[in-house]
Protein backbone atom coordinates (compact mmCIF):
# COMPACT_ATOMS: atom_id res chain seq x y z
CA MET A 1 -17.80 8.70 23.90
CA ALA A 2 -14.23 7.18 24.90
CA LEU A 3 -11.48 7.30 22.57
CA SER A 4 -10.28 3.86 21.56
CA ALA A 5 -6.72 2.52 21.93
CA ARG A 6 -5.97 3.28 18.52
CA SER A 7 -7.50 7.01 18.80
CA ARG A 8 -5.49 7.62 21.79
CA ILE A 9 -2.19 6.48 20.37
CA ARG A 10 -2.34 8.56 16.78
CA ALA A 11 -3.45 11.74 19.48
CA ARG A 12 -0.09 11.17 21.23
CA PHE A 13 1.85 11.93 18.08
CA ASP A 14 -0.62 14.49 16.58
CA GLU A 15 -0.05 16.40 19.44
CA ALA A 16 3.66 15.82 20.29
CA ALA A 17 5.43 19.33 20.60
CA PRO A 18 8.55 18.47 18.33
CA LEU A 19 6.21 17.46 15.20
CA LYS A 20 4.15 20.59 16.42
CA GLU A 21 7.82 22.24 15.87
CA ALA A 22 8.81 20.09 13.01
CA ALA A 23 5.73 20.72 10.60
CA LYS A 24 5.99 24.63 10.98
CA ALA A 25 9.36 24.58 9.34
CA LEU A 26 9.22 21.78 6.66
CA VAL A 27 9.89 24.60 3.56
CA GLY A 28 13.32 24.39 3.89
CA GLY A 29 13.26 20.94 5.08
CA VAL A 30 13.71 19.35 8.38
CA ALA A 31 15.60 16.76 9.76
CA LEU A 32 14.17 14.25 12.59
CA ARG A 33 17.33 12.61 14.19
CA GLY A 34 16.45 10.12 16.84
CA THR A 35 13.72 8.46 14.76
CA PRO A 36 13.59 4.82 15.42
CA GLN A 37 12.89 2.53 12.49
CA GLY A 38 9.39 1.71 13.92
CA ALA A 39 8.26 5.20 14.69
CA ARG A 40 8.25 6.78 10.91
CA ALA A 41 5.06 5.89 9.88
CA ALA A 42 3.52 7.30 13.07
CA VAL A 43 5.76 10.24 12.65
CA THR A 44 4.94 10.38 9.18
CA VAL A 45 1.28 10.41 9.53
CA ALA A 46 1.50 13.11 12.04
CA LEU A 47 2.56 15.44 10.04
CA ILE A 48 0.76 14.81 6.81
CA LYS A 49 -2.38 15.38 9.11
CA ARG A 50 -0.78 18.62 10.84
CA THR A 51 0.08 20.18 7.73
CA LYS A 52 -3.03 19.15 6.42
CA ALA A 53 -0.98 17.80 2.89
CA GLU A 54 -3.10 16.81 -0.31
CA SER A 55 -0.38 14.09 -1.16
CA ALA A 56 2.83 12.69 0.12
CA VAL A 57 5.73 10.90 -0.90
CA ILE A 58 7.59 8.46 1.45
CA VAL A 59 11.00 6.95 0.05
CA VAL A 60 12.52 3.93 1.72
CA PRO A 61 16.18 2.56 0.84
CA ASP A 62 14.36 -0.18 -1.70
CA ASP A 63 11.49 -2.12 -3.19
CA ALA A 64 11.84 -4.78 -0.35
CA LEU A 65 11.02 -2.41 2.00
CA ILE A 66 7.76 -0.72 0.84
CA SER A 67 4.87 -3.02 1.19
CA ARG A 68 6.47 -3.24 5.37
CA ARG A 69 6.31 0.80 5.18
CA ALA A 70 3.06 0.46 3.93
CA ASP A 71 1.32 -1.56 6.37
CA ASP A 72 2.77 0.56 8.86
CA LEU A 73 1.25 3.64 7.52
CA ALA A 74 -2.22 1.92 7.07
CA TYR A 75 -2.20 1.17 11.04
CA PHE A 76 -1.74 5.02 11.71
CA LEU A 77 -3.81 6.43 9.04
CA GLY A 78 -6.75 4.41 9.42
CA VAL A 79 -9.88 4.81 7.46
CA GLN A 80 -7.69 7.32 5.66
CA ALA A 81 -5.23 4.34 4.42
CA THR A 82 -7.08 3.89 1.20
CA ARG A 83 -5.05 6.89 -0.19
CA LEU A 84 -2.00 4.77 0.37
CA VAL A 85 -0.07 3.71 -3.02
CA GLU A 86 2.47 1.33 -3.54
CA PHE A 87 5.04 2.45 -6.46
CA PRO A 88 7.73 -0.12 -6.89
CA SER A 89 10.88 0.76 -9.43
CA ARG A 90 11.23 -0.94 -12.90
CA PRO A 91 13.39 -3.96 -13.45
CA GLU A 92 16.53 -2.24 -14.64
CA PRO A 93 17.83 -3.55 -16.95
CA ASP A 94 14.99 -5.23 -18.40
CA GLU A 95 15.62 -9.29 -18.88
CA ALA A 96 12.76 -9.07 -21.55
CA LEU A 97 10.99 -6.48 -23.78
CA PHE A 98 7.87 -7.06 -21.17
CA GLN A 99 7.76 -7.07 -17.43
CA PRO A 100 3.74 -8.38 -16.42
CA LYS A 101 4.75 -8.43 -13.10
CA SER A 102 6.56 -4.92 -12.98
CA ARG A 103 3.58 -3.61 -14.57
CA GLU A 104 0.91 -5.01 -12.66
CA ARG A 105 2.05 -3.26 -9.63
CA ARG A 106 2.92 0.07 -11.14
CA ALA A 107 0.11 0.51 -13.66
CA PRO A 108 -2.63 0.82 -10.84
CA ALA A 109 -0.32 2.98 -9.01
CA LEU A 110 0.08 4.98 -11.77
CA GLU A 111 -3.69 5.75 -12.72
CA ARG A 112 -4.28 6.37 -8.95
CA LEU A 113 -2.05 9.16 -9.18
CA LEU A 114 -3.47 10.83 -12.69
CA ARG A 115 -6.86 9.78 -12.92
CA ASP A 116 -7.73 13.19 -11.10
CA LYS A 117 -5.74 16.45 -11.93
CA LYS A 118 -5.33 16.89 -7.84
CA SER A 119 -3.93 13.65 -6.63
CA SER A 120 -4.26 13.14 -3.02
CA ALA A 121 -2.56 9.93 -2.84
CA ILE A 122 0.15 8.81 -0.18
CA ILE A 123 2.83 7.62 -2.56
CA VAL A 124 5.07 4.44 -0.56
CA THR A 125 8.07 4.24 -3.23
CA SER A 126 11.89 3.46 -3.17
CA LEU A 127 14.83 5.23 -4.07
CA ALA A 128 15.46 3.84 -7.45
CA ALA A 129 12.01 4.14 -8.39
CA LEU A 130 12.15 8.01 -7.59
CA ARG A 131 15.39 8.10 -9.58
CA GLN A 132 13.36 6.39 -12.85
CA HIS A 133 12.03 8.75 -15.57
CA ILE A 134 8.38 8.16 -16.52
CA ALA A 135 5.82 9.99 -19.02
CA PRO A 136 4.36 13.01 -18.00
CA ALA A 137 0.81 13.19 -17.08
CA ALA A 138 -0.47 15.04 -19.78
CA ALA A 139 0.81 11.88 -21.88
CA TYR A 140 -0.77 9.34 -19.78
CA ARG A 141 -4.40 11.17 -19.42
CA ALA A 142 -4.22 11.70 -23.77
CA ARG A 143 -3.62 8.17 -24.29
CA ALA A 144 -5.75 6.50 -21.89
CA LEU A 145 -8.97 5.27 -23.05
CA HIS A 146 -12.66 5.69 -21.91
CA LEU A 147 -14.91 3.62 -23.90
CA LYS A 148 -18.24 3.52 -22.83
CA PRO A 149 -21.95 1.90 -24.43
CA GLY A 150 -22.74 4.51 -27.22
CA THR A 151 -19.25 5.50 -27.99
CA GLU A 152 -17.95 5.00 -31.96
CA MET A 153 -14.94 4.38 -33.08
CA ALA A 154 -13.16 3.15 -36.17
CA TRP A 155 -12.43 -0.67 -35.98
CA ASP A 156 -8.54 -0.54 -37.15
CA ASP A 157 -8.05 3.02 -34.96
CA LEU A 158 -9.18 1.05 -32.04
CA LEU A 159 -6.65 -1.58 -32.16
CA ALA A 160 -3.66 0.71 -33.31
CA ARG A 161 -4.52 2.71 -30.55
CA LEU A 162 -4.60 -0.41 -27.71
CA VAL A 163 -0.93 -1.25 -29.31
CA ALA A 164 0.40 2.25 -28.94
CA ILE A 165 -0.27 1.91 -25.20
CA GLY A 166 1.33 -1.60 -24.55
CA TYR A 167 -1.37 -3.52 -25.10
CA ARG A 168 -0.46 -7.14 -27.26
CA ARG A 169 -3.20 -8.91 -29.28
CA VAL A 170 -3.09 -12.70 -28.32
CA GLU A 171 -5.57 -15.42 -29.42
CA THR A 172 -6.60 -16.22 -25.76
CA ILE A 173 -6.26 -13.32 -22.93
CA LYS A 174 -4.67 -14.48 -19.85
CA GLY A 175 -3.51 -11.54 -18.10
CA ARG A 176 -3.34 -7.58 -18.01
CA GLY A 177 -2.18 -5.81 -20.95
CA GLU A 178 -3.57 -8.45 -23.35
CA PHE A 179 -6.41 -8.14 -25.89
CA ALA A 180 -7.86 -10.55 -28.65
CA VAL A 181 -10.34 -10.10 -31.28
CA ARG A 182 -13.36 -12.09 -32.33
CA GLY A 183 -15.73 -10.70 -34.74
CA GLY A 184 -17.02 -7.76 -33.55
CA THR A 185 -16.23 -8.45 -29.78
CA LEU A 186 -13.59 -7.22 -28.16
CA ASP A 187 -11.80 -8.94 -25.19
CA VAL A 188 -9.37 -7.10 -23.00
CA TRP A 189 -7.82 -7.01 -19.52
CA PRO A 190 -7.20 -3.31 -18.84
CA ALA A 191 -3.95 -2.57 -17.40
CA THR A 192 -5.77 -1.04 -13.67
CA GLU A 193 -8.44 -3.95 -13.35
CA SER A 194 -8.40 -7.25 -11.45
CA GLY A 195 -10.32 -9.10 -14.22
CA ALA A 196 -11.02 -9.13 -17.70
CA ARG A 197 -13.45 -7.08 -19.73
CA ARG A 198 -15.58 -7.99 -23.04
CA LEU A 199 -16.68 -4.88 -25.41
CA GLU A 200 -19.61 -6.07 -27.98
CA PHE A 201 -19.84 -3.93 -31.13
CA ASP A 202 -22.37 -3.47 -33.61
CA GLY A 203 -20.40 -2.33 -36.26
CA GLU A 204 -18.25 0.59 -34.85
CA ARG A 205 -20.55 1.27 -32.14
CA LEU A 206 -20.09 -0.05 -28.65
CA GLU A 207 -23.03 -1.44 -27.56
CA ARG A 208 -21.96 -3.49 -24.16
CA VAL A 209 -19.32 -3.99 -21.61
CA GLY A 210 -19.60 -6.89 -19.31
CA VAL A 211 -17.28 -8.66 -17.11
CA LEU A 212 -15.16 -11.80 -18.46
CA GLU A 213 -15.20 -14.84 -16.90
CA LEU A 214 -11.74 -16.23 -18.30
CA ALA A 215 -12.52 -19.82 -17.23
CA ASP A 216 -15.48 -20.49 -19.71
CA GLY A 217 -15.41 -17.39 -22.01
CA ARG A 218 -19.15 -15.94 -20.75
CA ALA A 219 -19.88 -12.24 -20.10
CA LEU A 220 -20.84 -11.65 -17.07
CA GLU A 221 -23.24 -8.60 -15.87
CA ASN A 222 -22.50 -5.45 -17.37
CA VAL A 223 -20.21 -2.72 -15.69
CA GLY A 224 -21.14 0.50 -17.79
CA ASP A 225 -17.87 1.63 -19.08
CA VAL A 226 -14.31 0.83 -19.22
CA ARG A 227 -10.95 2.62 -18.96
CA LEU A 228 -7.70 1.58 -20.77
CA TRP A 229 -5.09 3.29 -19.12
CA PRO A 230 -1.09 2.51 -20.69
CA TRP A 231 0.22 -0.83 -20.09
CA SER A 232 3.46 0.26 -21.79
CA GLU A 233 5.02 2.80 -19.77
CA THR A 234 6.98 4.05 -22.95
CA LEU A 235 3.81 5.32 -24.99
CA ASP A 236 4.80 4.75 -28.76
CA ASP A 237 4.59 7.82 -30.96
CA GLU A 238 6.96 9.59 -33.13
CA GLU A 239 7.92 12.17 -30.47
CA THR A 240 8.66 9.27 -27.85
CA ARG A 241 10.79 7.73 -30.68
CA ALA A 242 12.63 11.00 -31.87
CA ALA A 243 13.29 11.68 -28.37
CA VAL A 244 15.32 8.28 -28.15
CA VAL A 245 17.39 8.34 -31.21
CA ARG A 246 18.11 11.87 -29.83
CA ARG A 247 19.46 10.59 -26.45
CA VAL A 248 20.79 6.83 -27.30
CA LYS A 249 24.03 6.65 -27.62
CA GLU A 250 24.45 3.36 -28.70
CA GLN A 251 23.92 3.23 -32.85
CA GLY A 252 22.08 0.12 -32.86
CA ALA A 253 19.48 1.51 -30.32
CA LYS A 254 18.79 4.31 -32.80
CA GLU A 255 18.83 2.24 -35.53
CA TYR A 256 15.92 -0.06 -33.51
CA ALA A 257 14.07 2.78 -32.45
CA ARG A 258 13.92 4.55 -36.23
CA SER A 259 12.77 0.70 -37.35
CA GLY A 260 9.45 1.50 -35.22
CA GLY A 261 10.49 -1.87 -32.84
CA ASP A 262 8.61 -1.67 -29.41
CA LEU A 263 10.34 0.48 -27.45
CA PRO A 264 11.16 -1.50 -23.84
CA ASP A 265 10.27 -0.11 -20.49
CA ALA A 266 14.09 0.17 -19.71
CA TRP A 267 14.14 2.80 -22.16
CA THR A 268 11.88 5.15 -20.68
CA GLY A 269 14.05 7.14 -19.41
CA TYR A 270 15.14 8.18 -22.57
CA ALA A 271 12.14 8.69 -23.78
CA TYR A 272 10.88 11.72 -21.05
CA GLU A 273 12.86 13.82 -18.39
CA THR A 274 9.91 13.50 -16.01
CA THR A 275 9.75 11.90 -12.87
CA LEU A 276 7.25 10.54 -9.89
CA LEU A 277 8.05 14.16 -8.26
CA ASP A 278 6.83 16.29 -11.01
CA LEU A 279 3.27 14.26 -10.84
CA VAL A 280 2.50 14.97 -7.40
CA GLY A 281 3.09 18.60 -7.88
CA GLU A 282 5.35 20.84 -5.41
CA ASN A 283 2.76 20.85 -2.35
CA ALA A 284 3.40 17.83 -1.96
CA LEU A 285 5.52 16.45 1.40
CA VAL A 286 8.53 14.02 0.83
CA VAL A 287 9.29 11.98 3.93
CA LEU A 288 13.24 10.55 2.85
CA ASP A 289 14.82 7.68 5.41
CA GLY A 290 18.27 9.27 6.35
CA GLU A 291 20.26 6.17 6.74
CA GLU A 292 20.04 4.92 2.94
CA PRO A 293 23.23 3.93 1.19
CA ALA A 294 24.47 6.07 -1.35
CA LEU A 295 22.43 6.10 -4.57
CA PRO A 296 22.56 2.50 -6.76
CA LYS A 297 25.53 2.96 -9.61
CA VAL A 298 24.09 1.91 -13.04
CA VAL A 299 26.21 -1.31 -13.78
CA GLU A 300 27.16 -2.12 -17.36
CA GLU A 301 26.55 -5.50 -18.74
CA ALA A 302 29.33 -7.54 -19.44
CA ALA A 303 29.88 -8.57 -22.95
CA LYS A 304 28.22 -11.98 -24.10
CA PRO A 305 30.78 -14.67 -24.91
CA ALA A 306 31.24 -15.27 -28.37
CA GLY A 307 29.15 -17.09 -30.43
CA GLU A 308 25.89 -16.06 -28.12
CA SER A 309 23.17 -15.42 -29.91
CA VAL A 310 22.17 -11.44 -30.54
CA GLU A 311 18.97 -10.32 -29.21
CA VAL A 312 16.22 -8.76 -31.08
CA VAL A 313 16.07 -5.99 -28.64
CA PRO A 314 19.66 -4.04 -27.94
CA ARG A 315 20.48 -3.82 -24.23
CA ILE A 316 21.17 -0.34 -23.07
CA ALA A 317 22.04 1.31 -19.96
CA PRO A 318 19.28 2.88 -17.93
CA LEU A 319 19.19 6.56 -17.82
CA GLN A 320 18.35 7.91 -14.35
CA ARG A 321 18.30 11.13 -12.38
CA ALA A 322 21.44 12.39 -11.64
CA GLU A 323 22.18 12.96 -7.95
CA GLU A 324 22.13 16.94 -8.44
CA ALA A 325 19.27 16.80 -10.06
CA LEU A 326 17.44 14.98 -7.46
CA ARG A 327 18.59 16.84 -4.99
CA LYS A 328 17.06 20.01 -6.35
CA ASP A 329 13.95 18.05 -7.25
CA VAL A 330 13.62 17.27 -3.52
CA THR A 331 14.21 20.74 -2.04
CA VAL A 332 11.29 22.09 -4.37
CA HIS A 333 9.16 20.43 -2.01
CA PRO A 334 8.31 20.61 1.71
CA PHE A 335 10.53 17.48 3.17
CA VAL A 336 11.62 16.15 6.23
CA VAL A 337 14.80 13.51 7.01
CA VAL A 338 13.95 10.99 9.75
CA GLY A 339 17.11 9.09 10.86
CA GLU A 340 20.46 10.28 10.58
CA LEU A 341 21.72 12.53 7.62
CA ALA A 342 24.15 9.51 6.78
CA ALA A 343 23.53 9.18 2.71
CA GLY A 344 25.71 11.78 0.68
CA TRP A 345 22.98 12.72 -1.74
CA LEU A 346 20.45 13.73 0.41
CA PRO A 347 19.64 18.01 0.34
CA LYS A 348 20.64 19.45 3.86
CA PRO A 349 17.62 20.64 5.78
CA LYS A 350 17.58 24.09 7.16
CA LYS A 351 16.01 22.77 10.80
CA SER A 352 17.04 19.95 13.04
CA ILE A 353 15.12 18.40 15.64
CA ASP A 354 16.25 15.58 17.56
CA LEU A 355 13.85 13.00 18.98
CA ALA A 356 15.94 11.12 20.70
CA GLY A 357 13.92 7.84 20.05
CA GLU A 358 15.54 4.05 20.67
CA GLU A 359 15.68 1.26 19.04
CA LEU A 360 14.03 -1.69 21.68
CA THR A 361 16.78 -3.84 22.89
CA ILE A 362 14.53 -6.40 24.64
CA GLU A 363 14.89 -9.84 23.87
CA THR A 364 12.54 -10.85 21.37
CA GLY A 365 10.56 -13.75 20.83
CA ARG A 366 9.48 -14.70 24.72
CA THR A 367 6.49 -12.80 25.36
CA GLY A 368 6.62 -13.15 29.36
CA ARG A 369 10.14 -11.74 29.02
CA VAL A 370 9.71 -9.13 26.73
CA LEU A 371 6.13 -8.07 28.75
CA GLU A 372 7.95 -8.19 31.99
CA GLN A 373 10.65 -5.52 31.07
CA ALA A 374 7.74 -3.33 29.63
CA LYS A 375 6.58 -3.22 32.79
CA GLY A 376 9.14 -1.03 34.41
CA TRP A 377 8.18 1.37 31.81
CA VAL A 378 4.42 1.51 33.07
CA GLU A 379 5.59 1.85 36.62
CA ARG A 380 7.47 4.99 35.82
CA GLY A 381 4.60 6.48 34.34
CA ASP A 382 5.64 5.86 30.66
CA GLU A 383 2.47 5.14 28.24
CA LEU A 384 3.10 1.34 26.73
CA CYS A 385 1.35 0.41 23.55
CA ILE A 386 1.43 -3.05 22.40
CA VAL A 387 -0.14 -3.37 18.53
CA THR A 388 -0.47 -7.07 18.07
CA ALA A 389 -2.44 -9.37 15.59
CA LYS A 390 -2.77 -11.82 18.14
CA ARG A 391 -4.17 -10.28 21.38
CA SER A 392 -5.54 -13.56 22.88
CA ARG A 393 -2.21 -14.97 23.02
CA ILE A 394 -0.72 -12.32 25.49
CA ALA A 395 -3.78 -11.76 27.19
CA GLY A 396 -3.04 -14.10 29.66
CA HIS A 397 0.12 -12.48 30.49
CA LEU A 398 -1.20 -9.18 30.80
CA ARG A 399 -3.26 -10.37 33.75
CA ALA A 400 -0.85 -12.20 35.31
CA LEU A 401 1.78 -8.74 35.31
CA GLY A 402 -1.20 -6.60 36.06
CA LEU A 403 -0.44 -4.56 32.83
CA GLU A 404 -4.56 -5.49 31.75
CA PRO A 405 -5.56 -2.18 29.77
CA LYS A 406 -8.26 -0.26 31.89
CA LYS A 407 -10.00 3.00 32.04
CA GLY A 408 -7.66 5.46 33.14
CA SER A 409 -4.60 3.33 32.59
CA ASN A 410 -1.33 3.85 30.89
CA VAL A 411 -1.57 0.64 28.77
CA TYR A 412 -3.02 0.49 25.36
CA VAL A 413 -3.89 -2.96 23.38
CA ASP A 414 -5.00 -2.46 20.06
CA ARG A 415 -5.17 -5.04 17.13
CA GLY A 416 -3.17 -4.05 14.01
CA ALA A 417 0.29 -4.90 12.14
CA LEU A 418 3.85 -2.90 12.91
CA GLY A 419 7.10 -3.89 11.87
CA ARG A 420 8.87 -3.64 15.07
CA GLY A 421 8.66 -1.66 18.25
CA PHE A 422 10.14 1.61 19.51
CA SER A 423 10.96 3.56 22.50
CA LEU A 424 10.28 7.71 22.88
CA PRO A 425 11.64 8.18 25.83
CA LYS A 426 11.20 12.42 25.60
CA LEU A 427 7.68 11.84 24.67
CA GLY A 428 6.95 8.58 27.16
CA LEU A 429 5.94 6.65 24.89
CA HIS A 430 6.85 2.75 23.90
CA PHE A 431 5.80 0.36 21.72
CA ILE A 432 5.82 -3.47 21.74
CA CYS A 433 4.95 -5.36 18.57
CA ASP A 434 4.51 -8.85 17.07
CA ALA A 435 8.32 -8.54 16.04
CA GLU A 436 9.36 -8.13 19.77
CA LEU A 437 6.44 -10.40 21.24
CA PHE A 438 6.78 -13.68 18.86
CA GLY A 439 9.54 -13.05 16.88
CA GLU A 440 8.14 -12.36 14.09
CA ALA A 441 6.66 -9.22 12.59
CA ALA A 442 2.83 -9.13 11.39
CA THR A 443 1.74 -7.85 8.11
CA ALA A 444 -1.54 -6.67 7.08
CA GLU A 445 -2.70 -10.01 5.60
CA ASP A 446 -2.44 -11.37 9.12
CA VAL A 447 -4.98 -8.63 10.32
CA LEU A 448 -7.19 -8.65 7.02
CA PRO A 449 -9.75 -10.97 8.39
CA SER A 450 -10.43 -8.38 10.80
CA PHE A 451 -14.09 -5.78 11.11
CA GLU A 452 -13.52 -2.64 12.67
CA GLY A 453 -15.88 -1.36 15.39
CA GLU A 454 -15.76 0.34 19.06
CA PRO A 455 -14.42 -1.87 21.34
CA ILE A 456 -17.16 -3.48 23.94
CA THR A 457 -17.60 -5.63 26.96
CA LEU A 458 -20.19 -8.08 27.37
CA LYS A 459 -21.79 -5.13 30.21
CA GLU A 460 -22.82 -3.38 26.97
CA LEU A 461 -24.60 -6.21 25.36
CA ALA A 462 -28.14 -7.81 25.56
CA PRO A 463 -29.18 -11.01 23.55
CA GLY A 464 -30.34 -10.52 20.33
CA ASP A 465 -27.44 -7.44 19.75
CA TYR A 466 -25.47 -7.32 16.48
CA VAL A 467 -22.05 -7.65 16.70
CA LEU A 468 -18.99 -8.01 14.71
CA HIS A 469 -16.46 -10.76 15.01
CA ALA A 470 -13.23 -10.20 13.72
CA VAL A 471 -12.51 -13.18 11.79
CA HIS A 472 -16.47 -14.36 10.68
CA GLY A 473 -18.08 -10.90 10.39
CA LEU A 474 -21.39 -9.71 11.07
CA ALA A 475 -23.06 -12.33 14.22
CA ARG A 476 -26.23 -11.88 16.87
CA TYR A 477 -25.12 -12.35 20.24
CA GLY A 478 -26.74 -15.17 22.33
CA GLY A 479 -25.94 -14.51 25.83
CA VAL A 480 -23.53 -16.19 28.09
CA ARG A 481 -24.09 -19.62 28.72
CA GLU A 482 -22.30 -22.48 31.11
CA GLU A 483 -21.06 -25.51 29.14
CA THR A 484 -18.91 -28.75 30.78
CA ILE A 485 -15.86 -28.91 28.95
CA LEU A 486 -13.76 -32.02 29.76
CA GLY A 487 -15.53 -32.04 33.02
CA GLU A 488 -14.72 -28.46 33.95
CA LYS A 489 -17.85 -25.94 34.04
CA ARG A 490 -16.58 -22.89 31.44
CA GLU A 491 -18.60 -20.00 30.74
CA LEU A 492 -18.97 -19.38 26.83
CA ILE A 493 -19.88 -16.26 24.65
CA GLU A 494 -22.66 -17.48 22.33
CA LEU A 495 -22.90 -16.25 18.52
CA SER A 496 -25.13 -17.09 16.05
CA PHE A 497 -24.40 -16.49 12.23
CA ALA A 498 -26.03 -17.26 8.88
CA GLY A 499 -27.92 -20.48 8.49
CA ASN A 500 -27.50 -22.63 11.27
CA ASP A 501 -24.12 -21.99 11.84
CA ARG A 502 -23.00 -20.99 15.89
CA LEU A 503 -19.79 -20.29 17.85
CA LEU A 504 -18.89 -20.34 21.52
CA LEU A 505 -16.37 -18.17 22.43
CA PRO A 506 -14.54 -18.39 26.18
CA LEU A 507 -15.05 -15.08 27.75
CA SER A 508 -11.27 -14.36 27.71
CA ALA A 509 -11.65 -13.94 23.90
CA VAL A 510 -14.14 -11.24 23.99
CA ASP A 511 -11.26 -9.19 22.71
CA VAL A 512 -12.47 -10.49 19.27
CA LEU A 513 -15.85 -8.35 19.52
CA SER A 514 -16.79 -5.27 18.52
CA ARG A 515 -19.63 -3.22 18.68
CA TYR A 516 -21.90 -2.85 15.45
CA GLU A 517 -24.03 0.19 14.32
CA SER A 518 -25.76 0.22 11.16
CA ARG A 519 -25.53 3.13 9.59
CA ALA A 520 -28.77 3.04 7.82
CA THR A 521 -32.18 3.02 8.88
CA GLY A 522 -34.80 0.66 7.58
CA VAL A 523 -32.40 -1.86 6.44
CA VAL A 524 -32.68 -6.03 6.94
CA VAL A 525 -29.19 -7.06 8.61
CA GLU A 526 -27.53 -9.94 6.83
CA LEU A 527 -25.63 -12.31 8.99
CA ALA A 528 -22.30 -13.56 7.52
CA LYS A 529 -22.03 -17.04 7.30
CA MET A 530 -18.51 -18.63 9.20
CA GLY A 531 -15.35 -18.84 7.01
CA ASP A 532 -16.96 -16.60 3.73
CA ALA A 533 -15.51 -13.43 5.37
CA VAL A 534 -12.08 -14.94 5.65
CA GLU A 535 -11.90 -16.53 2.19
CA GLN A 536 -13.14 -13.12 0.46
CA LYS A 537 -10.67 -10.85 2.05
CA ARG A 538 -7.47 -13.70 1.49
CA SER A 539 -8.46 -13.80 -2.55
CA ALA A 540 -9.07 -10.22 -2.44
CA ALA A 541 -5.16 -10.13 -0.94
CA LYS A 542 -3.96 -12.50 -3.64
CA ARG A 543 -5.27 -10.46 -6.20
């Protein structure tokens, strides 16, 4: 079977000689100079594959760039994108004792890292998060609760353990990390779940675990069991409090910790010395952006004007990993620095390789002109890869310029979301994305309503075949029919969906269809209902 455009693109990076050389020298570190921003995800994935890295930590300059890099990595990882974990930093110093938004992103990430003793995660994080201390893996696992029907636990002990790992008791739960008690019923929203659970007890024995519908308070289908991972990152026990009292300097904070008050997440650095790199193990590949600014300095909070009320929780400067210690932490792992070595804290790699890549300088936002400039690369024999969430919008331009992808051509067009294009002249490879074509980068959400399959042509289809529509899902192909629209005869592709839903597509939009091949035999195929797939995926993205 011929390789798809995406497979050919990935293969080019997998077989690139400079990356093969880099993969052999990661112990001691490699500097990949001349790696454009847009190429860093592709380079990272190629190194992960070539070294067969069990896990990896990709460090970007700040939290705002995490999702963009994760989207780029997902494109090149393909089916392995499920290994991706986004791990932002904790807001410091804390503006409040509880940081629900921060915890909602970090708690599921920690669970992904710690649920198995040998993690296969690819973590995208920031330099700030890399410096922050977190509880050791053993402490997290020991405090997590796994409850299933038949579990017996003293009621008071259960509630005390929930409080100790950061869950808050409320009258009615509204978000993660909350629990409510009514007689022998415990409603709880686990730190790592997208919805709440209802636990029904008979005395001290758990009888049922069900999904809780918050709108009307009903327990829906049974889910078998529930895992309650810590909601707070500062696990409340005598050892943790003793560590805080020992390390913190402010007397007021010492007294607060001794008094038994809730410990803010920002105090985690005083409780533990473990960092993210300790959790992933020494064999994890570490990928660092080289152009990062110097490590941010911790700024002491200005004194409050006289007369302002004193906070119940003392405010103290967060304690973070020192530069020299962080440098040593990185060198324990195989590591690569992509881009120029501008950040002073970075460890010095033993080997340096120049990819001689370039950021694109072509005019952006004017599709036709962008593609005209790109045609020059194709004419000199280089490969052009166009990754876009809007393939149908460039089809006419490609035809007019003779850049239509054909068998044996050096032009590839693929549906996807990359942050920006780039050129690697030494490899004869150039990428153009939505940022150049339309003036705005696509995100993973732009391609969420997409069902992957093998690209097809109408010659390969017969009426009655099943196909995947990129937006609406599974449909039945009905052939090509001629219709008169505004006095003009046009040939249209007929698709049937669930119920009486029908869709007529222009022939130029065939690229939104892909082959459907059921992996199971003897299974009745259920057609999609138009619009349902989009709504489901948007809802999933919001959750």
